[in-house]
Amino acid sequence: MAWTGLAVDFLESGALLLEVAAAVIILAGGAVALGRWAVRRGPFDGPSHARHNFARSLLLALDFTIGSDVLSLAAAPDLDRVLAVGAVALVRIALTLILEYEESRIERRGD
């Protein structure tokens, strides 16, 4: 199926918008994590919780980048882009599993 120039431009603009959203999420998540780490008022504001919150922000941002890659792939499909989207999805799955492991470890430790 061939896309018209306008549709390709629309998909590429959407991909750029998702990339910008991912960057904003990472920056905001980092700022919040630094703030929580610096203040550390209660038992849930320690370094491990700040790191956990930042990791959640990274995962959300990664979802946005996957969406961006999918839109880019729809605009100009080729094997390299398919492999890149697959690799990013695998990284997302690995990070999710690692984060789930860290959460269970923190809960067991009572941190």
PDB file of N, CA and C in Angstrom:
ATOM      1  N   MET A   1       0.844  -1.177   0.000  1.00  0.00           N
ATOM      2  CA  MET A   1       0.000   0.000   0.000  1.00  0.00           C
ATOM      3  C   MET A   1       0.887   1.237   0.000  1.00  0.00           C
ATOM      4  N   ALA A   2       0.723   2.095  -0.959  1.00  0.00           N
ATOM      5  CA  ALA A   2       1.549   3.295  -1.069  1.00  0.00           C
ATOM      6  C   ALA A   2       0.867   4.463  -0.357  1.00  0.00           C
ATOM      7  N   TRP A   3       1.647   5.138   0.434  1.00  0.00           N
ATOM      8  CA  TRP A   3       1.139   6.318   1.133  1.00  0.00           C
ATOM      9  C   TRP A   3       1.384   7.546   0.270  1.00  0.00           C
ATOM     10  N   THR A   4       0.476   8.504   0.346  1.00  0.00           N
ATOM     11  CA  THR A   4       0.691   9.769  -0.352  1.00  0.00           C
ATOM     12  C   THR A   4       1.657  10.614   0.457  1.00  0.00           C
ATOM     13  N   GLY A   5       2.172  11.643  -0.166  1.00  0.00           N
ATOM     14  CA  GLY A   5       3.120  12.526   0.508  1.00  0.00           C
ATOM     15  C   GLY A   5       2.546  13.154   1.761  1.00  0.00           C
ATOM     16  N   LEU A   6       1.273  13.528   1.732  1.00  0.00           N
ATOM     17  CA  LEU A   6       0.637  14.154   2.892  1.00  0.00           C
ATOM     18  C   LEU A   6       0.525  13.164   4.053  1.00  0.00           C
ATOM     19  N   ALA A   7       0.165  11.925   3.750  1.00  0.00           N
ATOM     20  CA  ALA A   7       0.054  10.909   4.798  1.00  0.00           C
ATOM     21  C   ALA A   7       1.417  10.619   5.416  1.00  0.00           C
ATOM     22  N   VAL A   8       2.449  10.552   4.609  1.00  0.00           N
ATOM     23  CA  VAL A   8       3.799  10.313   5.116  1.00  0.00           C
ATOM     24  C   VAL A   8       4.228  11.472   6.013  1.00  0.00           C
ATOM     25  N   ASP A   9       3.955  12.691   5.571  1.00  0.00           N
ATOM     26  CA  ASP A   9       4.282  13.861   6.403  1.00  0.00           C
ATOM     27  C   ASP A   9       3.543  13.811   7.733  1.00  0.00           C
ATOM     28  N   PHE A  10       2.281  13.407   7.707  1.00  0.00           N
ATOM     29  CA  PHE A  10       1.486  13.305   8.921  1.00  0.00           C
ATOM     30  C   PHE A  10       2.069  12.256   9.866  1.00  0.00           C
ATOM     31  N   LEU A  11       2.442  11.097   9.333  1.00  0.00           N
ATOM     32  CA  LEU A  11       3.031  10.046  10.153  1.00  0.00           C
ATOM     33  C   LEU A  11       4.378  10.475  10.731  1.00  0.00           C
ATOM     34  N   GLU A  12       5.181  11.138   9.918  1.00  0.00           N
ATOM     35  CA  GLU A  12       6.481  11.604  10.402  1.00  0.00           C
ATOM     36  C   GLU A  12       6.333  12.691  11.458  1.00  0.00           C
ATOM     37  N   SER A  13       5.336  13.563  11.299  1.00  0.00           N
ATOM     38  CA  SER A  13       5.068  14.587  12.322  1.00  0.00           C
ATOM     39  C   SER A  13       4.609  13.935  13.621  1.00  0.00           C
ATOM     40  N   GLY A  14       3.756  12.927  13.501  1.00  0.00           N
ATOM     41  CA  GLY A  14       3.318  12.200  14.690  1.00  0.00           C
ATOM     42  C   GLY A  14       4.474  11.514  15.386  1.00  0.00           C
ATOM     43  N   ALA A  15       5.378  10.934  14.604  1.00  0.00           N
ATOM     44  CA  ALA A  15       6.557  10.280  15.176  1.00  0.00           C
ATOM     45  C   ALA A  15       7.430  11.292  15.909  1.00  0.00           C
ATOM     46  N   LEU A  16       7.614  12.463  15.318  1.00  0.00           N
ATOM     47  CA  LEU A  16       8.403  13.511  15.975  1.00  0.00           C
ATOM     48  C   LEU A  16       7.734  13.967  17.268  1.00  0.00           C
ATOM     49  N   LEU A  17       6.428  14.114  17.246  1.00  0.00           N
ATOM     50  CA  LEU A  17       5.686  14.520  18.440  1.00  0.00           C
ATOM     51  C   LEU A  17       5.861  13.487  19.563  1.00  0.00           C
ATOM     52  N   LEU A  18       5.813  12.214  19.225  1.00  0.00           N
ATOM     53  CA  LEU A  18       6.016  11.178  20.231  1.00  0.00           C
ATOM     54  C   LEU A  18       7.445  11.191  20.771  1.00  0.00           C
ATOM     55  N   GLU A  19       8.408  11.465  19.923  1.00  0.00           N
ATOM     56  CA  GLU A  19       9.804  11.568  20.381  1.00  0.00           C
ATOM     57  C   GLU A  19       9.974  12.734  21.359  1.00  0.00           C
ATOM     58  N   VAL A  20       9.343  13.857  21.047  1.00  0.00           N
ATOM     59  CA  VAL A  20       9.404  15.014  21.946  1.00  0.00           C
ATOM     60  C   VAL A  20       8.730  14.676  23.273  1.00  0.00           C
ATOM     61  N   ALA A  21       7.581  14.001  23.212  1.00  0.00           N
ATOM     62  CA  ALA A  21       6.889  13.599  24.432  1.00  0.00           C
ATOM     63  C   ALA A  21       7.779  12.691  25.277  1.00  0.00           C
ATOM     64  N   ALA A  22       8.481  11.774  24.639  1.00  0.00           N
ATOM     65  CA  ALA A  22       9.388  10.875  25.363  1.00  0.00           C
ATOM     66  C   ALA A  22      10.489  11.671  26.064  1.00  0.00           C
ATOM     67  N   ALA A  23      11.043  12.653  25.381  1.00  0.00           N
ATOM     68  CA  ALA A  23      12.095  13.480  25.985  1.00  0.00           C
ATOM     69  C   ALA A  23      11.553  14.258  27.181  1.00  0.00           C
ATOM     70  N   VAL A  24      10.355  14.799  27.055  1.00  0.00           N
ATOM     71  CA  VAL A  24       9.741  15.550  28.158  1.00  0.00           C
ATOM     72  C   VAL A  24       9.495  14.621  29.350  1.00  0.00           C
ATOM     73  N   ILE A  25       9.021  13.423  29.088  1.00  0.00           N
ATOM     74  CA  ILE A  25       8.766  12.461  30.166  1.00  0.00           C
ATOM     75  C   ILE A  25      10.062  12.102  30.888  1.00  0.00           C
ATOM     76  N   ILE A  26      11.128  11.894  30.138  1.00  0.00           N
ATOM     77  CA  ILE A  26      12.411  11.571  30.760  1.00  0.00           C
ATOM     78  C   ILE A  26      12.913  12.731  31.613  1.00  0.00           C
ATOM     79  N   LEU A  27      12.841  13.936  31.068  1.00  0.00           N
ATOM     80  CA  LEU A  27      13.305  15.110  31.829  1.00  0.00           C
ATOM     81  C   LEU A  27      12.466  15.338  33.075  1.00  0.00           C
ATOM     82  N   ALA A  28      11.145  15.232  32.944  1.00  0.00           N
ATOM     83  CA  ALA A  28      10.268  15.434  34.097  1.00  0.00           C
ATOM     84  C   ALA A  28      10.476  14.331  35.134  1.00  0.00           C
ATOM     85  N   GLY A  29      10.585  13.092  34.679  1.00  0.00           N
ATOM     86  CA  GLY A  29      10.825  11.986  35.604  1.00  0.00           C
ATOM     87  C   GLY A  29      12.146  12.133  36.333  1.00  0.00           C
ATOM     88  N   GLY A  30      13.168  12.584  35.612  1.00  0.00           N
ATOM     89  CA  GLY A  30      14.462  12.814  36.247  1.00  0.00           C
ATOM     90  C   GLY A  30      14.405  13.929  37.276  1.00  0.00           C
ATOM     91  N   ALA A  31      13.693  14.996  36.951  1.00  0.00           N
ATOM     92  CA  ALA A  31      13.565  16.115  37.896  1.00  0.00           C
ATOM     93  C   ALA A  31      12.808  15.680  39.154  1.00  0.00           C
ATOM     94  N   VAL A  32      11.732  14.932  38.978  1.00  0.00           N
ATOM     95  CA  VAL A  32      10.965  14.451  40.127  1.00  0.00           C
ATOM     96  C   VAL A  32      11.803  13.496  40.971  1.00  0.00           C
ATOM     97  N   ALA A  33      12.519  12.587  40.324  1.00  0.00           N
ATOM     98  CA  ALA A  33      13.360  11.645  41.066  1.00  0.00           C
ATOM     99  C   ALA A  33      14.454  12.376  41.840  1.00  0.00           C
ATOM    100  N   LEU A  34      15.078  13.368  41.222  1.00  0.00           N
ATOM    101  CA  LEU A  34      16.101  14.145  41.931  1.00  0.00           C
ATOM    102  C   LEU A  34      15.495  14.900  43.106  1.00  0.00           C
ATOM    103  N   GLY A  35      14.314  15.461  42.892  1.00  0.00           N
ATOM    104  CA  GLY A  35      13.644  16.182  43.973  1.00  0.00           C
ATOM    105  C   GLY A  35      13.301  15.268  45.130  1.00  0.00           C
ATOM    106  N   ARG A  36      12.764  14.097  44.822  1.00  0.00           N
ATOM    107  CA  ARG A  36      12.412  13.150  45.888  1.00  0.00           C
ATOM    108  C   ARG A  36      13.664  12.651  46.600  1.00  0.00           C
ATOM    109  N   TRP A  37      14.724  12.436  45.852  1.00  0.00           N
ATOM    110  CA  TRP A  37      15.960  11.979  46.464  1.00  0.00           C
ATOM    111  C   TRP A  37      16.559  13.068  47.368  1.00  0.00           C
ATOM    112  N   ALA A  38      16.508  14.311  46.913  1.00  0.00           N
ATOM    113  CA  ALA A  38      17.095  15.420  47.675  1.00  0.00           C
ATOM    114  C   ALA A  38      16.317  15.693  48.957  1.00  0.00           C
ATOM    115  N   VAL A  39      15.003  15.560  48.920  1.00  0.00           N
ATOM    116  CA  VAL A  39      14.179  15.891  50.084  1.00  0.00           C
ATOM    117  C   VAL A  39      14.160  14.745  51.094  1.00  0.00           C
ATOM    118  N   ARG A  40      13.880  13.546  50.651  1.00  0.00           N
ATOM    119  CA  ARG A  40      13.860  12.340  51.485  1.00  0.00           C
ATOM    120  C   ARG A  40      13.177  12.558  52.831  1.00  0.00           C
ATOM    121  N   ARG A  41      11.904  12.872  52.825  1.00  0.00           N
ATOM    122  CA  ARG A  41      11.180  13.136  54.065  1.00  0.00           C
ATOM    123  C   ARG A  41      10.698  11.870  54.767  1.00  0.00           C
ATOM    124  N   GLY A  42      10.244  10.908  54.026  1.00  0.00           N
ATOM    125  CA  GLY A  42       9.631   9.732  54.635  1.00  0.00           C
ATOM    126  C   GLY A  42      10.298   8.458  54.177  1.00  0.00           C
ATOM    127  N   PRO A  43       9.782   7.323  54.654  1.00  0.00           N
ATOM    128  CA  PRO A  43      10.395   6.039  54.292  1.00  0.00           C
ATOM    129  C   PRO A  43      10.255   5.703  52.814  1.00  0.00           C
ATOM    130  N   PHE A  44       9.313   6.325  52.120  1.00  0.00           N
ATOM    131  CA  PHE A  44       9.111   6.028  50.700  1.00  0.00           C
ATOM    132  C   PHE A  44       9.801   7.040  49.792  1.00  0.00           C
ATOM    133  N   ASP A  45      10.674   7.845  50.348  1.00  0.00           N
ATOM    134  CA  ASP A  45      11.363   8.855  49.545  1.00  0.00           C
ATOM    135  C   ASP A  45      12.861   8.620  49.499  1.00  0.00           C
ATOM    136  N   GLY A  46      13.292   7.399  49.754  1.00  0.00           N
ATOM    137  CA  GLY A  46      14.719   7.095  49.729  1.00  0.00           C
ATOM    138  C   GLY A  46      15.243   6.950  48.312  1.00  0.00           C
ATOM    139  N   PRO A  47      16.551   6.731  48.193  1.00  0.00           N
ATOM    140  CA  PRO A  47      17.167   6.609  46.864  1.00  0.00           C
ATOM    141  C   PRO A  47      16.578   5.489  46.021  1.00  0.00           C
ATOM    142  N   SER A  48      16.243   4.360  46.630  1.00  0.00           N
ATOM    143  CA  SER A  48      15.714   3.259  45.835  1.00  0.00           C
ATOM    144  C   SER A  48      14.342   3.601  45.275  1.00  0.00           C
ATOM    145  N   HIS A  49      13.558   4.362  46.015  1.00  0.00           N
ATOM    146  CA  HIS A  49      12.244   4.750  45.507  1.00  0.00           C
ATOM    147  C   HIS A  49      12.365   5.831  44.437  1.00  0.00           C
ATOM    148  N   ALA A  50      13.321   6.718  44.600  1.00  0.00           N
ATOM    149  CA  ALA A  50      13.557   7.726  43.562  1.00  0.00           C
ATOM    150  C   ALA A  50      14.007   7.035  42.276  1.00  0.00           C
ATOM    151  N   ARG A  51      14.877   6.063  42.426  1.00  0.00           N
ATOM    152  CA  ARG A  51      15.347   5.307  41.260  1.00  0.00           C
ATOM    153  C   ARG A  51      14.197   4.532  40.616  1.00  0.00           C
ATOM    154  N   HIS A  52      13.342   3.961  41.443  1.00  0.00           N
ATOM    155  CA  HIS A  52      12.178   3.226  40.943  1.00  0.00           C
ATOM    156  C   HIS A  52      11.249   4.148  40.150  1.00  0.00           C
ATOM    157  N   ASN A  53      10.984   5.324  40.689  1.00  0.00           N
ATOM    158  CA  ASN A  53      10.107   6.271  39.987  1.00  0.00           C
ATOM    159  C   ASN A  53      10.727   6.723  38.665  1.00  0.00           C
ATOM    160  N   PHE A  54      12.019   6.933  38.668  1.00  0.00           N
ATOM    161  CA  PHE A  54      12.681   7.331  37.428  1.00  0.00           C
ATOM    162  C   PHE A  54      12.636   6.194  36.408  1.00  0.00           C
ATOM    163  N   ALA A  55      12.812   4.967  36.883  1.00  0.00           N
ATOM    164  CA  ALA A  55      12.737   3.817  35.979  1.00  0.00           C
ATOM    165  C   ALA A  55      11.348   3.726  35.354  1.00  0.00           C
ATOM    166  N   ARG A  56      10.307   3.998  36.127  1.00  0.00           N
ATOM    167  CA  ARG A  56       8.946   4.009  35.572  1.00  0.00           C
ATOM    168  C   ARG A  56       8.816   5.074  34.486  1.00  0.00           C
ATOM    169  N   SER A  57       9.415   6.234  34.710  1.00  0.00           N
ATOM    170  CA  SER A  57       9.378   7.292  33.693  1.00  0.00           C
ATOM    171  C   SER A  57      10.096   6.851  32.424  1.00  0.00           C
ATOM    172  N   LEU A  58      11.228   6.178  32.603  1.00  0.00           N
ATOM    173  CA  LEU A  58      11.966   5.688  31.439  1.00  0.00           C
ATOM    174  C   LEU A  58      11.148   4.668  30.656  1.00  0.00           C
ATOM    175  N   LEU A  59      10.445   3.792  31.361  1.00  0.00           N
ATOM    176  CA  LEU A  59       9.611   2.804  30.681  1.00  0.00           C
ATOM    177  C   LEU A  59       8.484   3.472  29.909  1.00  0.00           C
ATOM    178  N   LEU A  60       7.860   4.476  30.507  1.00  0.00           N
ATOM    179  CA  LEU A  60       6.804   5.196  29.805  1.00  0.00           C
ATOM    180  C   LEU A  60       7.363   5.901  28.570  1.00  0.00           C
ATOM    181  N   ALA A  61       8.516   6.536  28.728  1.00  0.00           N
ATOM    182  CA  ALA A  61       9.147   7.212  27.590  1.00  0.00           C
ATOM    183  C   ALA A  61       9.508   6.209  26.502  1.00  0.00           C
ATOM    184  N   LEU A  62       9.940   5.030  26.909  1.00  0.00           N
ATOM    185  CA  LEU A  62      10.277   4.001  25.927  1.00  0.00           C
ATOM    186  C   LEU A  62       9.040   3.560  25.154  1.00  0.00           C
ATOM    187  N   ASP A  63       7.893   3.519  25.823  1.00  0.00           N
ATOM    188  CA  ASP A  63       6.640   3.218  25.111  1.00  0.00           C
ATOM    189  C   ASP A  63       6.365   4.266  24.036  1.00  0.00           C
ATOM    190  N   PHE A  64       6.612   5.525  24.365  1.00  0.00           N
ATOM    191  CA  PHE A  64       6.412   6.588  23.380  1.00  0.00           C
ATOM    192  C   PHE A  64       7.388   6.447  22.214  1.00  0.00           C
ATOM    193  N   THR A  65       8.626   6.064  22.501  1.00  0.00           N
ATOM    194  CA  THR A  65       9.588   5.905  21.406  1.00  0.00           C
ATOM    195  C   THR A  65       9.231   4.707  20.535  1.00  0.00           C
ATOM    196  N   ILE A  66       8.678   3.661  21.146  1.00  0.00           N
ATOM    197  CA  ILE A  66       8.228   2.527  20.338  1.00  0.00           C
ATOM    198  C   ILE A  66       7.104   2.983  19.416  1.00  0.00           C
ATOM    199  N   GLY A  67       6.173   3.768  19.953  1.00  0.00           N
ATOM    200  CA  GLY A  67       5.099   4.312  19.114  1.00  0.00           C
ATOM    201  C   GLY A  67       5.645   5.163  17.990  1.00  0.00           C
ATOM    202  N   SER A  68       6.646   5.961  18.286  1.00  0.00           N
ATOM    203  CA  SER A  68       7.281   6.787  17.265  1.00  0.00           C
ATOM    204  C   SER A  68       7.918   5.922  16.186  1.00  0.00           C
ATOM    205  N   ASP A  69       8.599   4.866  16.618  1.00  0.00           N
ATOM    206  CA  ASP A  69       9.225   3.963  15.650  1.00  0.00           C
ATOM    207  C   ASP A  69       8.192   3.268  14.773  1.00  0.00           C
ATOM    208  N   VAL A  70       7.070   2.899  15.369  1.00  0.00           N
ATOM    209  CA  VAL A  70       6.013   2.246  14.595  1.00  0.00           C
ATOM    210  C   VAL A  70       5.457   3.211  13.548  1.00  0.00           C
ATOM    211  N   LEU A  71       5.247   4.473  13.931  1.00  0.00           N
ATOM    212  CA  LEU A  71       4.771   5.455  12.953  1.00  0.00           C
ATOM    213  C   LEU A  71       5.795   5.669  11.842  1.00  0.00           C
ATOM    214  N   SER A  72       7.054   5.751  12.212  1.00  0.00           N
ATOM    215  CA  SER A  72       8.111   5.897  11.206  1.00  0.00           C
ATOM    216  C   SER A  72       8.149   4.687  10.284  1.00  0.00           C
ATOM    217  N   LEU A  73       7.947   3.525  10.861  1.00  0.00           N
ATOM    218  CA  LEU A  73       7.925   2.296  10.075  1.00  0.00           C
ATOM    219  C   LEU A  73       6.749   2.295   9.105  1.00  0.00           C
ATOM    220  N   ALA A  74       5.598   2.794   9.551  1.00  0.00           N
ATOM    221  CA  ALA A  74       4.432   2.869   8.665  1.00  0.00           C
ATOM    222  C   ALA A  74       4.671   3.847   7.525  1.00  0.00           C
ATOM    223  N   ALA A  75       5.421   4.915   7.806  1.00  0.00           N
ATOM    224  CA  ALA A  75       5.685   5.917   6.774  1.00  0.00           C
ATOM    225  C   ALA A  75       6.653   5.404   5.722  1.00  0.00           C
ATOM    226  N   ALA A  76       7.656   4.641   6.148  1.00  0.00           N
ATOM    227  CA  ALA A  76       8.666   4.147   5.210  1.00  0.00           C
ATOM    228  C   ALA A  76       9.134   2.766   5.665  1.00  0.00           C
ATOM    229  N   PRO A  77       8.371   1.742   5.340  1.00  0.00           N
ATOM    230  CA  PRO A  77       8.737   0.403   5.815  1.00  0.00           C
ATOM    231  C   PRO A  77       9.992  -0.139   5.125  1.00  0.00           C
ATOM    232  N   ASP A  78      10.891  -0.661   5.926  1.00  0.00           N
ATOM    233  CA  ASP A  78      12.035  -1.404   5.410  1.00  0.00           C
ATOM    234  C   ASP A  78      12.551  -2.317   6.514  1.00  0.00           C
ATOM    235  N   LEU A  79      13.386  -3.246   6.154  1.00  0.00           N
ATOM    236  CA  LEU A  79      13.839  -4.267   7.084  1.00  0.00           C
ATOM    237  C   LEU A  79      14.621  -3.678   8.247  1.00  0.00           C
ATOM    238  N   ASP A  80      15.457  -2.674   7.993  1.00  0.00           N
ATOM    239  CA  ASP A  80      16.245  -2.074   9.067  1.00  0.00           C
ATOM    240  C   ASP A  80      15.348  -1.479  10.148  1.00  0.00           C
ATOM    241  N   ARG A  81      14.284  -0.803   9.730  1.00  0.00           N
ATOM    242  CA  ARG A  81      13.367  -0.209  10.712  1.00  0.00           C
ATOM    243  C   ARG A  81      12.607  -1.286  11.475  1.00  0.00           C
ATOM    244  N   VAL A  82      12.215  -2.341  10.799  1.00  0.00           N
ATOM    245  CA  VAL A  82      11.521  -3.440  11.482  1.00  0.00           C
ATOM    246  C   VAL A  82      12.434  -4.024  12.559  1.00  0.00           C
ATOM    247  N   LEU A  83      13.686  -4.236  12.224  1.00  0.00           N
ATOM    248  CA  LEU A  83      14.637  -4.770  13.196  1.00  0.00           C
ATOM    249  C   LEU A  83      14.860  -3.803  14.352  1.00  0.00           C
ATOM    250  N   ALA A  84      14.915  -2.509  14.058  1.00  0.00           N
ATOM    251  CA  ALA A  84      15.096  -1.507  15.112  1.00  0.00           C
ATOM    252  C   ALA A  84      13.895  -1.487  16.060  1.00  0.00           C
ATOM    253  N   VAL A  85      12.688  -1.526  15.523  1.00  0.00           N
ATOM    254  CA  VAL A  85      11.493  -1.549  16.364  1.00  0.00           C
ATOM    255  C   VAL A  85      11.482  -2.819  17.213  1.00  0.00           C
ATOM    256  N   GLY A  86      11.844  -3.947  16.620  1.00  0.00           N
ATOM    257  CA  GLY A  86      11.915  -5.190  17.372  1.00  0.00           C
ATOM    258  C   GLY A  86      12.936  -5.132  18.493  1.00  0.00           C
ATOM    259  N   ALA A  87      14.090  -4.543  18.217  1.00  0.00           N
ATOM    260  CA  ALA A  87      15.130  -4.418  19.241  1.00  0.00           C
ATOM    261  C   ALA A  87      14.673  -3.530  20.387  1.00  0.00           C
ATOM    262  N   VAL A  88      14.035  -2.417  20.059  1.00  0.00           N
ATOM    263  CA  VAL A  88      13.537  -1.516  21.105  1.00  0.00           C
ATOM    264  C   VAL A  88      12.464  -2.216  21.935  1.00  0.00           C
ATOM    265  N   ALA A  89      11.607  -2.975  21.293  1.00  0.00           N
ATOM    266  CA  ALA A  89      10.572  -3.710  22.025  1.00  0.00           C
ATOM    267  C   ALA A  89      11.202  -4.740  22.961  1.00  0.00           C
ATOM    268  N   LEU A  90      12.255  -5.406  22.517  1.00  0.00           N
ATOM    269  CA  LEU A  90      12.951  -6.362  23.388  1.00  0.00           C
ATOM    270  C   LEU A  90      13.599  -5.671  24.579  1.00  0.00           C
ATOM    271  N   VAL A  91      14.174  -4.503  24.343  1.00  0.00           N
ATOM    272  CA  VAL A  91      14.756  -3.731  25.446  1.00  0.00           C
ATOM    273  C   VAL A  91      13.667  -3.357  26.447  1.00  0.00           C
ATOM    274  N   ARG A  92      12.516  -2.949  25.932  1.00  0.00           N
ATOM    275  CA  ARG A  92      11.386  -2.580  26.807  1.00  0.00           C
ATOM    276  C   ARG A  92      10.954  -3.772  27.659  1.00  0.00           C
ATOM    277  N   ILE A  93      10.866  -4.935  27.056  1.00  0.00           N
ATOM    278  CA  ILE A  93      10.474  -6.135  27.798  1.00  0.00           C
ATOM    279  C   ILE A  93      11.513  -6.461  28.871  1.00  0.00           C
ATOM    280  N   ALA A  94      12.791  -6.381  28.516  1.00  0.00           N
ATOM    281  CA  ALA A  94      13.853  -6.664  29.490  1.00  0.00           C
ATOM    282  C   ALA A  94      13.815  -5.670  30.642  1.00  0.00           C
ATOM    283  N   LEU A  95      13.638  -4.393  30.334  1.00  0.00           N
ATOM    284  CA  LEU A  95      13.577  -3.382  31.398  1.00  0.00           C
ATOM    285  C   LEU A  95      12.371  -3.594  32.298  1.00  0.00           C
ATOM    286  N   THR A  96      11.254  -3.977  31.728  1.00  0.00           N
ATOM    287  CA  THR A  96      10.066  -4.241  32.535  1.00  0.00           C
ATOM    288  C   THR A  96      10.321  -5.399  33.493  1.00  0.00           C
ATOM    289  N   LEU A  97      10.925  -6.467  32.995  1.00  0.00           N
ATOM    290  CA  LEU A  97      11.225  -7.617  33.857  1.00  0.00           C
ATOM    291  C   LEU A  97      12.200  -7.236  34.971  1.00  0.00           C
ATOM    292  N   ILE A  98      13.201  -6.451  34.639  1.00  0.00           N
ATOM    293  CA  ILE A  98      14.164  -6.007  35.652  1.00  0.00           C
ATOM    294  C   ILE A  98      13.481  -5.136  36.696  1.00  0.00           C
ATOM    295  N   LEU A  99      12.624  -4.230  36.258  1.00  0.00           N
ATOM    296  CA  LEU A  99      11.924  -3.352  37.188  1.00  0.00           C
ATOM    297  C   LEU A  99      10.996  -4.153  38.098  1.00  0.00           C
ATOM    298  N   GLU A 100      10.298  -5.136  37.552  1.00  0.00           N
ATOM    299  CA  GLU A 100       9.428  -5.986  38.369  1.00  0.00           C
ATOM    300  C   GLU A 100      10.255  -6.735  39.417  1.00  0.00           C
ATOM    301  N   TYR A 101      11.428  -7.215  39.025  1.00  0.00           N
ATOM    302  CA  TYR A 101      12.303  -7.889  39.974  1.00  0.00           C
ATOM    303  C   TYR A 101      12.737  -6.934  41.081  1.00  0.00           C
ATOM    304  N   GLU A 102      13.112  -5.728  40.708  1.00  0.00           N
ATOM    305  CA  GLU A 102      13.532  -4.726  41.696  1.00  0.00           C
ATOM    306  C   GLU A 102      12.398  -4.382  42.647  1.00  0.00           C
ATOM    307  N   GLU A 103      11.174  -4.262  42.120  1.00  0.00           N
ATOM    308  CA  GLU A 103      10.028  -3.963  42.975  1.00  0.00           C
ATOM    309  C   GLU A 103       9.824  -5.064  44.010  1.00  0.00           C
ATOM    310  N   SER A 104       9.885  -6.306  43.573  1.00  0.00           N
ATOM    311  CA  SER A 104       9.681  -7.413  44.512  1.00  0.00           C
ATOM    312  C   SER A 104      10.802  -7.459  45.539  1.00  0.00           C
ATOM    313  N   ARG A 105      12.008  -7.135  45.122  1.00  0.00           N
ATOM    314  CA  ARG A 105      13.142  -7.115  46.056  1.00  0.00           C
ATOM    315  C   ARG A 105      12.964  -6.017  47.096  1.00  0.00           C
ATOM    316  N   ILE A 106      12.498  -4.849  46.673  1.00  0.00           N
ATOM    317  CA  ILE A 106      12.272  -3.741  47.598  1.00  0.00           C
ATOM    318  C   ILE A 106      11.150  -4.091  48.578  1.00  0.00           C
ATOM    319  N   GLU A 107      10.080  -4.714  48.074  1.00  0.00           N
ATOM    320  CA  GLU A 107       8.979  -5.088  48.953  1.00  0.00           C
ATOM    321  C   GLU A 107       9.420  -6.125  49.977  1.00  0.00           C
ATOM    322  N   ARG A 108      10.218  -7.100  49.572  1.00  0.00           N
ATOM    323  CA  ARG A 108      10.707  -8.121  50.511  1.00  0.00           C
ATOM    324  C   ARG A 108      11.603  -7.511  51.566  1.00  0.00           C
ATOM    325  N   ARG A 109      12.415  -6.560  51.160  1.00  0.00           N
ATOM    326  CA  ARG A 109      13.355  -5.926  52.070  1.00  0.00           C
ATOM    327  C   ARG A 109      12.654  -4.930  52.983  1.00  0.00           C
ATOM    328  N   GLY A 110      11.494  -4.432  52.546  1.00  0.00           N
ATOM    329  CA  GLY A 110      10.761  -3.444  53.347  1.00  0.00           C
ATOM    330  C   GLY A 110      11.371  -2.066  53.273  1.00  0.00           C
ATOM    331  N   ASP A 111      12.065  -1.805  52.198  1.00  0.00           N
ATOM    332  CA  ASP A 111      12.754  -0.520  51.999  1.00  0.00           C
ATOM    333  C   ASP A 111      11.786   0.599  51.764  1.00  0.00           C
TER     334      ASP A 111
END
